[in-house]
Protein backbone atom coordinates (compact mmCIF):
# COMPACT_ATOMS: atom_id res chain seq x y z
CA UNK A 1 -24.20 -42.48 33.49
CA UNK A 2 -28.17 -40.41 33.01
CA UNK A 3 -27.59 -36.35 32.30
CA UNK A 4 -30.84 -34.82 33.13
CA UNK A 5 -32.42 -31.41 30.72
CA UNK A 6 -31.68 -28.94 33.41
CA UNK A 7 -27.10 -30.31 32.87
CA UNK A 8 -28.03 -29.96 29.57
CA UNK A 9 -28.65 -26.66 30.21
CA UNK A 10 -26.60 -25.82 32.49
CA UNK A 11 -23.38 -27.11 30.32
CA UNK A 12 -25.02 -25.37 27.03
CA UNK A 13 -24.97 -22.00 29.02
CA UNK A 14 -21.28 -22.59 30.02
CA UNK A 15 -20.31 -23.10 26.96
CA UNK A 16 -22.86 -20.87 24.64
CA UNK A 17 -20.43 -17.96 25.14
CA UNK A 18 -17.64 -19.70 22.73
CA UNK A 19 -19.60 -21.32 20.34
CA UNK A 20 -21.07 -17.62 19.72
CA UNK A 21 -17.33 -15.69 19.56
CA UNK A 22 -16.76 -18.49 16.61
CA UNK A 23 -19.93 -18.20 14.92
CA UNK A 24 -18.87 -14.68 14.71
CA UNK A 25 -15.31 -15.35 14.43
CA UNK A 26 -13.13 -11.90 13.49
CA UNK A 27 -11.96 -11.75 10.35
CA UNK A 28 -8.47 -12.53 10.20
CA UNK A 29 -6.40 -10.57 7.23
CA UNK A 30 -2.73 -10.68 6.02
CA UNK A 31 -2.05 -6.92 4.36
CA UNK A 32 0.99 -7.26 2.35
CA UNK A 33 1.87 -3.37 2.67
CA UNK A 34 0.93 -1.26 5.42
CA UNK A 35 -1.31 0.77 3.23
CA UNK A 36 -3.88 -2.06 3.36
CA UNK A 37 -3.50 -3.21 6.43
CA UNK A 38 -4.68 0.45 7.43
CA UNK A 39 -7.48 -0.02 4.64
CA UNK A 40 -8.75 -3.29 5.73
CA UNK A 41 -8.12 -1.59 9.51
CA UNK A 42 -11.05 0.96 8.23
CA UNK A 43 -13.62 -1.26 6.77
CA UNK A 44 -13.51 -3.85 10.03
CA UNK A 45 -11.96 -2.77 12.39
CA UNK A 46 -12.33 -5.47 14.99
CA UNK A 47 -10.80 -7.56 12.03
CA UNK A 48 -7.28 -9.21 12.58
CA UNK A 49 -4.55 -7.44 10.69
CA UNK A 50 -0.99 -7.73 10.10
CA UNK A 51 1.32 -6.45 7.91
CA UNK A 52 3.79 -8.27 6.42
CA UNK A 53 5.84 -5.74 5.58
CA UNK A 54 6.49 -2.07 7.65
CA UNK A 55 7.10 1.61 5.02
CA UNK A 56 11.07 1.28 5.73
CA UNK A 57 11.12 -2.61 3.88
CA UNK A 58 10.36 -2.55 -0.42
CA UNK A 59 7.79 -4.41 -0.66
CA UNK A 60 10.06 -6.12 -3.90
CA UNK A 61 11.84 -7.53 -1.67
CA UNK A 62 10.80 -9.55 1.01
CA UNK A 63 11.48 -12.97 2.83
CA UNK A 64 9.90 -15.90 3.09
CA UNK A 65 10.05 -15.97 6.71
CA UNK A 66 8.37 -18.28 9.31
CA UNK A 67 6.49 -15.65 11.07
CA UNK A 68 5.05 -14.89 6.95
CA UNK A 69 4.08 -17.92 6.46
CA UNK A 70 2.74 -18.95 10.25
CA UNK A 71 0.75 -15.86 9.43
CA UNK A 72 -0.13 -16.08 5.91
CA UNK A 73 -1.35 -19.71 6.91
CA UNK A 74 -3.95 -18.21 9.72
CA UNK A 75 -5.11 -15.75 6.94
CA UNK A 76 -8.83 -15.27 6.27
CA UNK A 77 -7.82 -13.04 3.48
CA UNK A 78 -4.47 -11.77 1.54
CA UNK A 79 -4.81 -7.99 0.60
CA UNK A 80 -1.58 -7.10 -2.24
CA UNK A 81 -1.06 -4.19 -4.31
CA UNK A 82 -1.07 -6.59 -6.97
CA UNK A 83 0.29 -5.69 -11.36
CA UNK A 84 3.12 -8.37 -9.96
CA UNK A 85 4.65 -6.22 -7.22
CA UNK A 86 4.95 -9.37 -5.21
CA UNK A 87 5.90 -11.34 -7.88
CA UNK A 88 9.36 -12.39 -6.40
CA UNK A 89 7.48 -13.71 -2.77
CA UNK A 90 4.04 -13.98 -2.39
CA UNK A 91 3.55 -17.05 -4.31
CA UNK A 92 6.83 -19.06 -2.67
CA UNK A 93 4.98 -18.04 0.67
CA UNK A 94 1.26 -18.66 -0.64
CA UNK A 95 2.87 -22.00 -0.98
CA UNK A 96 4.55 -22.67 2.25
CA UNK A 97 1.76 -22.09 4.48
CA UNK A 98 -0.86 -24.39 2.54
CA UNK A 99 -3.97 -22.08 3.26
CA UNK A 100 -6.25 -23.07 0.39
CA UNK A 101 -8.73 -20.36 1.18
CA UNK A 102 -6.19 -17.30 0.23
CA UNK A 103 -4.55 -19.43 -2.88
CA UNK A 104 -7.21 -17.68 -5.08
CA UNK A 105 -8.77 -14.07 -6.18
CA UNK A 106 -12.09 -16.16 -6.69
CA UNK A 107 -11.66 -16.60 -2.62
CA UNK A 108 -10.08 -15.11 -0.30
CA UNK A 109 -7.17 -13.10 -2.35
CA UNK A 110 -7.81 -10.15 -3.41
CA UNK A 111 -5.12 -7.35 -5.69
CA UNK A 112 -6.14 -4.26 -4.88
CA UNK A 113 -4.77 -3.44 -8.78
CA UNK A 114 -7.39 -5.50 -10.41
CA UNK A 115 -9.73 -3.63 -8.92
CA UNK A 116 -8.23 0.09 -10.95
CA UNK A 117 -6.84 1.33 -14.25
CA UNK A 118 -3.24 1.35 -13.40
CA UNK A 119 -0.88 3.43 -15.61
CA UNK A 120 2.33 2.94 -17.82
CA UNK A 121 1.40 -0.38 -18.41
CA UNK A 122 3.65 -2.61 -20.90
CA UNK A 123 2.81 -4.20 -24.02
CA UNK A 124 6.41 -6.28 -23.65
CA UNK A 125 9.06 -6.57 -20.82
CA UNK A 126 12.30 -8.26 -20.96
CA UNK A 127 15.32 -7.88 -18.36
CA UNK A 128 16.82 -5.53 -20.36
CA UNK A 129 13.94 -2.71 -19.09
CA UNK A 130 14.83 -2.85 -15.48
CA UNK A 131 12.23 -3.80 -12.86
CA UNK A 132 9.29 -2.27 -14.56
CA UNK A 133 5.12 -3.75 -14.82
CA UNK A 134 3.68 -4.97 -17.16
CA UNK A 135 0.16 -5.09 -15.97
CA UNK A 136 1.27 -1.26 -14.52
CA UNK A 137 2.25 0.52 -12.08
CA UNK A 138 0.69 -1.02 -8.40
CA UNK A 139 1.90 2.46 -6.19
CA UNK A 140 -1.43 3.19 -6.51
CA UNK A 141 -2.68 4.14 -3.52
CA UNK A 142 -1.63 7.76 -3.73
CA UNK A 143 -4.56 8.34 -5.81
CA UNK A 144 -7.06 9.17 -3.83
CA UNK A 145 -10.04 8.69 -5.95
CA UNK A 146 -8.08 5.10 -7.08
CA UNK A 147 -8.12 4.31 -3.84
CA UNK A 148 -11.56 5.09 -3.20
CA UNK A 149 -12.67 2.25 -5.74
CA UNK A 150 -10.33 -0.13 -3.69
CA UNK A 151 -11.81 0.20 -0.63
CA UNK A 152 -15.47 -0.29 -2.53
CA UNK A 153 -14.08 -3.21 -3.92
CA UNK A 154 -12.26 -4.93 -0.65
CA UNK A 155 -15.33 -4.19 1.30
CA UNK A 156 -17.70 -6.33 -0.87
CA UNK A 157 -14.86 -9.14 -0.65
CA UNK A 158 -15.03 -8.71 3.37
CA UNK A 159 -18.75 -9.75 2.66
CA UNK A 160 -18.05 -12.10 0.58
CA UNK A 161 -15.73 -14.04 3.35
CA UNK A 162 -17.99 -12.60 6.08
CA UNK A 163 -21.83 -12.47 4.75
CA UNK A 164 -22.72 -12.11 8.16
CA UNK A 165 -20.91 -8.82 9.37
CA UNK A 166 -22.54 -7.51 5.78
CA UNK A 167 -24.18 -4.65 6.79
CA UNK A 168 -21.22 -3.37 9.05
CA UNK A 169 -18.67 -3.60 6.15
CA UNK A 170 -21.16 -1.73 4.31
CA UNK A 171 -21.67 1.29 7.74
CA UNK A 172 -17.40 1.07 7.70
CA UNK A 173 -17.43 1.71 3.75
CA UNK A 174 -20.25 4.41 4.27
CA UNK A 175 -17.92 5.81 7.18
CA UNK A 176 -14.95 5.66 5.41
CA UNK A 177 -15.80 7.61 2.60
CA UNK A 178 -17.24 10.47 3.03
CA UNK A 179 -14.26 11.22 5.71
CA UNK A 180 -12.42 10.18 2.41
CA UNK A 181 -14.35 12.69 -0.14
CA UNK A 182 -14.62 15.33 2.57
CA UNK A 183 -10.43 14.95 2.86
CA UNK A 184 -9.92 14.67 -1.01
CA UNK A 185 -10.52 18.65 -1.99
CA UNK A 186 -8.94 20.04 1.16
CA UNK A 187 -5.60 18.19 -0.20
CA UNK A 188 -5.60 19.79 -3.60
CA UNK A 189 -6.16 23.20 -2.05
CA UNK A 190 -3.56 22.98 -0.19
CA UNK A 191 -0.99 21.53 -2.75
CA UNK A 192 -2.17 23.41 -5.80
CA UNK A 193 0.37 25.18 -6.10
CA UNK A 194 2.10 21.80 -7.25
CA UNK A 195 0.80 22.03 -10.03
CA UNK A 196 3.43 22.07 -12.67
CA UNK A 197 6.11 22.19 -10.89
CA UNK A 198 9.15 19.13 -11.32
CA UNK A 199 11.33 17.38 -9.20
CA UNK A 200 14.00 14.51 -9.24
CA UNK A 201 13.00 10.92 -7.76
CA UNK A 202 13.49 7.26 -7.66
CA UNK A 203 11.51 4.78 -9.14
CA UNK A 204 8.59 5.35 -9.73
CA UNK A 205 7.24 5.36 -6.68
CA UNK A 206 4.70 8.27 -6.38
CA UNK A 207 3.97 7.75 -10.26
CA UNK A 208 -0.07 8.54 -9.14
CA UNK A 209 0.79 11.22 -6.35
CA UNK A 210 2.52 13.25 -9.58
CA UNK A 211 -0.43 12.06 -11.89
CA UNK A 212 -2.92 13.31 -9.58
CA UNK A 213 -1.30 16.82 -8.05
CA UNK A 214 0.24 17.47 -11.73
CA UNK A 215 3.30 17.28 -11.34
CA UNK A 216 5.97 16.19 -13.08
CA UNK A 217 9.38 13.84 -12.96
CA UNK A 218 11.65 14.35 -15.20
CA UNK A 219 14.38 12.52 -13.82
CA UNK A 220 14.82 9.50 -11.90
CA UNK A 221 17.74 9.01 -9.52
CA UNK A 222 18.08 5.02 -11.02
CA UNK A 223 19.69 4.40 -15.14
CA UNK A 224 16.93 1.63 -14.54
CA UNK A 225 14.66 0.64 -12.15
CA UNK A 226 15.58 -0.81 -9.61
CA UNK A 227 19.54 -0.93 -11.05
CA UNK A 228 21.77 1.14 -8.41
CA UNK A 229 22.64 5.11 -9.54
CA UNK A 230 26.35 4.98 -10.98
CA UNK A 231 28.60 8.15 -11.53
CA UNK A 232 28.01 8.92 -14.74
CA UNK A 233 24.37 8.87 -14.63
CA UNK A 234 24.03 10.73 -11.01
CA UNK A 235 27.35 13.39 -13.32
CA UNK A 236 24.10 13.90 -16.26
CA UNK A 237 21.40 14.60 -13.37
CA UNK A 238 23.67 17.21 -12.15
CA UNK A 239 23.25 18.73 -15.66
CA UNK A 240 19.63 18.30 -15.26
CA UNK A 241 19.48 20.16 -12.98
CA UNK A 242 21.17 23.08 -13.89
CA UNK A 243 18.84 23.98 -16.00
CA UNK A 244 17.01 25.77 -13.41
CA UNK A 245 13.50 24.63 -13.47
CA UNK A 246 13.94 21.80 -10.31
CA UNK A 247 12.14 22.03 -7.54
CA UNK A 248 13.77 19.03 -5.23
CA UNK A 249 15.18 15.68 -5.37
CA UNK A 250 13.05 13.01 -3.51
CA UNK A 251 13.26 9.27 -2.06
CA UNK A 252 10.81 8.00 -0.13
CA UNK A 253 11.82 5.85 3.21
CA UNK A 254 13.28 2.71 1.94
CA UNK A 255 14.91 3.98 -1.18
CA UNK A 256 19.10 4.51 -0.32
CA UNK A 257 19.77 8.10 0.23
CA UNK A 258 23.05 8.26 -0.67
CA UNK A 259 22.42 9.43 -4.56
CA UNK A 260 19.61 11.63 -3.69
CA UNK A 261 22.20 13.37 -1.07
CA UNK A 262 25.22 13.17 -3.82
CA UNK A 263 23.31 14.79 -6.47
CA UNK A 264 21.44 17.60 -3.60
CA UNK A 265 24.97 18.51 -2.45
CA UNK A 266 26.28 19.40 -6.05
CA UNK A 267 22.76 20.92 -7.16
CA UNK A 268 21.61 22.89 -3.79
CA UNK A 269 17.98 21.42 -4.28
CA UNK A 270 16.78 19.96 -1.24
CA UNK A 271 16.29 16.75 -0.41
CA UNK A 272 12.46 15.38 1.06
CA UNK A 273 11.93 11.84 2.20
CA UNK A 274 8.52 11.37 1.54
CA UNK A 275 6.97 8.19 3.66
CA UNK A 276 5.55 5.80 1.29
CA UNK A 277 3.10 4.22 3.58
CA UNK A 278 1.85 4.40 6.94
CA UNK A 279 4.40 4.70 9.45
CA UNK A 280 7.11 6.11 7.20
CA UNK A 281 7.55 8.84 9.17
CA UNK A 282 6.35 9.43 12.91
CA UNK A 283 3.04 12.11 11.53
CA UNK A 284 1.87 9.19 8.84
CA UNK A 285 -0.14 7.23 11.65
CA UNK A 286 -3.15 5.74 8.65
CA UNK A 287 -4.00 6.62 5.53
CA UNK A 288 -5.00 10.75 6.23
CA UNK A 289 -2.58 11.45 8.32
CA UNK A 290 -0.01 10.09 5.82
CA UNK A 291 -1.14 11.70 2.52
CA UNK A 292 -1.25 15.39 5.20
CA UNK A 293 2.50 14.29 5.65
CA UNK A 294 3.58 13.84 2.34
CA UNK A 295 1.29 17.17 0.88
CA UNK A 296 3.12 18.98 4.41
CA UNK A 297 6.53 18.39 3.27
CA UNK A 298 6.18 19.32 -0.47
CA UNK A 299 4.80 22.21 -0.09
CA UNK A 300 6.88 23.24 2.59
CA UNK A 301 9.83 23.68 -0.78
CA UNK A 302 7.12 24.76 -3.71
């Protein structure tokens, strides 16, 4: 059958929207944690962004479920905290997904911790130390300056993967950076009274927050990172609390509150659940409101 030129033009007009959509396909982002899903959405509002975990989950411990494998198989970009936070599950997920695009940081794999100077790096680590990270504390998203560095690097990674949208990524980064830099002094002014305050908390989840605001975690609810509090360890914390300089006992949305509440009942100290990430409480709907919520909760008891 012969097809004339008019027929070819008609066919081209019919399929051109689909071809155009293919050429400008949305970036498909797989985020290991909700804070990086939120940051990815700020930098690429039109991207398809999926978070592998919620703020109610411990990001150290994630099951390589079929649904996660399927999402990673579709991903153009995987964004994670890094510093071995996901070492227990991400390699297995990558292997099962068989997506070569996101196996290497040379391509579509992005670790936030590789783009900043992490706190608490260790030269030597062994099992007796508990759940510690030789490459430094991975919970860096509560340092606004470091997070801005990550945003800059992540925008560059998106541009590398999707150069046709470079102008959009640059504009989105500029808008986010401007808004973020205006928010930082406002947060710092609101939190000024927290400087020098002492708290007891789990693990070192808020290490960057305390470092930024000048607070001090004087004791850990865990005897070692990742080890649940024992009765003897909690008894020692009661003695420490009796020194009278502790402002509050803190835990986060995925941590067991029993040890914190037990200690609070015996010391009359306020016990506060701080959202660890976006979605950790009703107020934390994005990165800006996450910071707002955490600082408000702390300043209410200072």
